[in-house]
């Protein structure tokens, strides 16, 4: 399991969450979302879709995505999650495959 309880705790405290996708040509595209809409088993985070036209196209093109989770609450703590994403109805579903400690 990649998403540990410690990461879930940071997710709940993160004031905003940057997510980055890449175009078919490798051009990065970063946006900021407010919160994780849901955490599913098997290391999957769900993000509500509000517009996200470029993000959605990048996910359709290659599915690569990174998510940064960080907070200063209780002392600085952060993680970079790397994995694959897909679109399901009104959610971006991101399956974390790798975690790096940032802070």
Protein backbone atom coordinates (compact mmCIF):
# COMPACT_ATOMS: atom_id res chain seq x y z
CA UNK A 1 0.00 0.00 0.00
CA UNK A 2 1.46 3.33 -1.11
CA UNK A 3 -0.99 5.69 0.59
CA UNK A 4 -0.32 5.20 4.29
CA UNK A 5 -2.29 6.53 7.23
CA UNK A 6 0.35 9.26 7.62
CA UNK A 7 -0.30 10.41 4.03
CA UNK A 8 -4.07 10.30 4.64
CA UNK A 9 -3.57 12.53 7.68
CA UNK A 10 -1.62 15.06 5.61
CA UNK A 11 -4.32 14.91 2.89
CA UNK A 12 -6.94 15.90 5.46
CA UNK A 13 -4.84 18.90 6.56
CA UNK A 14 -3.61 20.12 3.16
CA UNK A 15 -5.05 23.59 2.38
CA UNK A 16 -4.79 22.99 -1.39
CA UNK A 17 -3.35 20.28 -3.62
CA UNK A 18 -1.29 20.85 -6.78
CA UNK A 19 -1.67 18.21 -9.47
CA UNK A 20 0.47 17.96 -12.60
CA UNK A 21 -0.27 16.14 -15.84
CA UNK A 22 1.71 16.04 -19.08
CA UNK A 23 0.58 16.51 -22.67
CA UNK A 24 1.19 13.92 -25.38
CA UNK A 25 4.32 15.96 -26.21
CA UNK A 26 5.57 15.92 -22.61
CA UNK A 27 4.61 19.50 -21.72
CA UNK A 28 3.75 19.72 -18.00
CA UNK A 29 0.47 21.29 -16.89
CA UNK A 30 -0.04 22.08 -13.18
CA UNK A 31 -3.29 23.10 -11.51
CA UNK A 32 -4.38 23.50 -7.90
CA UNK A 33 -7.43 21.72 -6.52
CA UNK A 34 -9.10 22.40 -3.19
CA UNK A 35 -9.33 18.98 -1.60
CA UNK A 36 -9.32 15.26 -2.31
CA UNK A 37 -12.97 14.36 -2.90
CA UNK A 38 -12.48 10.76 -1.79
CA UNK A 39 -9.87 8.16 -0.92
CA UNK A 40 -10.57 4.69 -2.25
CA UNK A 41 -8.85 1.46 -1.37
CA UNK A 42 -5.97 0.35 -3.56
CA UNK A 43 -4.21 3.75 -3.32
CA UNK A 44 -6.76 5.71 -5.36
CA UNK A 45 -7.53 9.40 -4.79
CA UNK A 46 -10.58 11.02 -6.35
CA UNK A 47 -10.65 14.68 -7.38
CA UNK A 48 -13.84 16.46 -8.43
CA UNK A 49 -13.76 17.84 -11.95
CA UNK A 50 -14.47 21.53 -12.34
CA UNK A 51 -13.55 22.42 -15.90
CA UNK A 52 -9.98 20.96 -16.05
CA UNK A 53 -10.10 20.85 -19.86
CA UNK A 54 -6.31 20.59 -20.37
CA UNK A 55 -5.91 18.22 -17.42
CA UNK A 56 -8.63 15.93 -18.76
CA UNK A 57 -7.09 15.90 -22.25
CA UNK A 58 -3.64 15.10 -20.84
CA UNK A 59 -5.09 12.23 -18.81
CA UNK A 60 -6.78 10.87 -21.93
CA UNK A 61 -3.51 11.21 -23.88
CA UNK A 62 -1.19 9.41 -21.46
CA UNK A 63 -2.61 9.21 -17.93
CA UNK A 64 0.60 10.34 -16.19
CA UNK A 65 0.01 12.46 -13.10
CA UNK A 66 1.74 13.74 -9.96
CA UNK A 67 0.08 15.02 -6.81
CA UNK A 68 1.76 17.02 -4.05
CA UNK A 69 0.29 16.78 -0.57
CA UNK A 70 1.74 19.16 2.03
CA UNK A 71 0.82 20.92 5.25
CA UNK A 72 2.40 23.13 7.87
CA UNK A 73 -0.17 22.08 10.50
CA UNK A 74 1.63 20.23 13.28
CA UNK A 75 4.99 20.94 11.63
CA UNK A 76 5.94 20.79 7.94
CA UNK A 77 5.19 17.52 6.21
CA UNK A 78 4.74 16.67 2.53
CA UNK A 79 4.71 13.95 -0.10
CA UNK A 80 4.91 13.72 -3.90
CA UNK A 81 2.72 10.95 -5.31
CA UNK A 82 3.34 9.68 -8.85
CA UNK A 83 1.04 7.41 -10.80
CA UNK A 84 -1.68 7.09 -13.41
CA UNK A 85 -5.04 8.81 -13.67
CA UNK A 86 -8.29 8.23 -15.52
CA UNK A 87 -11.62 10.01 -15.81
CA UNK A 88 -14.71 8.36 -14.31
CA UNK A 89 -17.92 10.36 -14.58
CA UNK A 90 -17.22 13.63 -12.69
CA UNK A 91 -14.01 12.46 -11.00
CA UNK A 92 -10.34 12.27 -11.84
CA UNK A 93 -9.23 8.98 -10.29
CA UNK A 94 -5.53 8.87 -9.49
CA UNK A 95 -3.78 5.61 -8.56
CA UNK A 96 -0.60 6.36 -6.62
CA UNK A 97 2.26 4.05 -7.58
CA UNK A 98 5.22 5.83 -5.98
CA UNK A 99 5.67 8.15 -2.97
CA UNK A 100 8.53 10.55 -2.21
CA UNK A 101 8.88 12.35 1.10
CA UNK A 102 9.28 16.12 0.56
CA UNK A 103 9.52 17.65 4.03
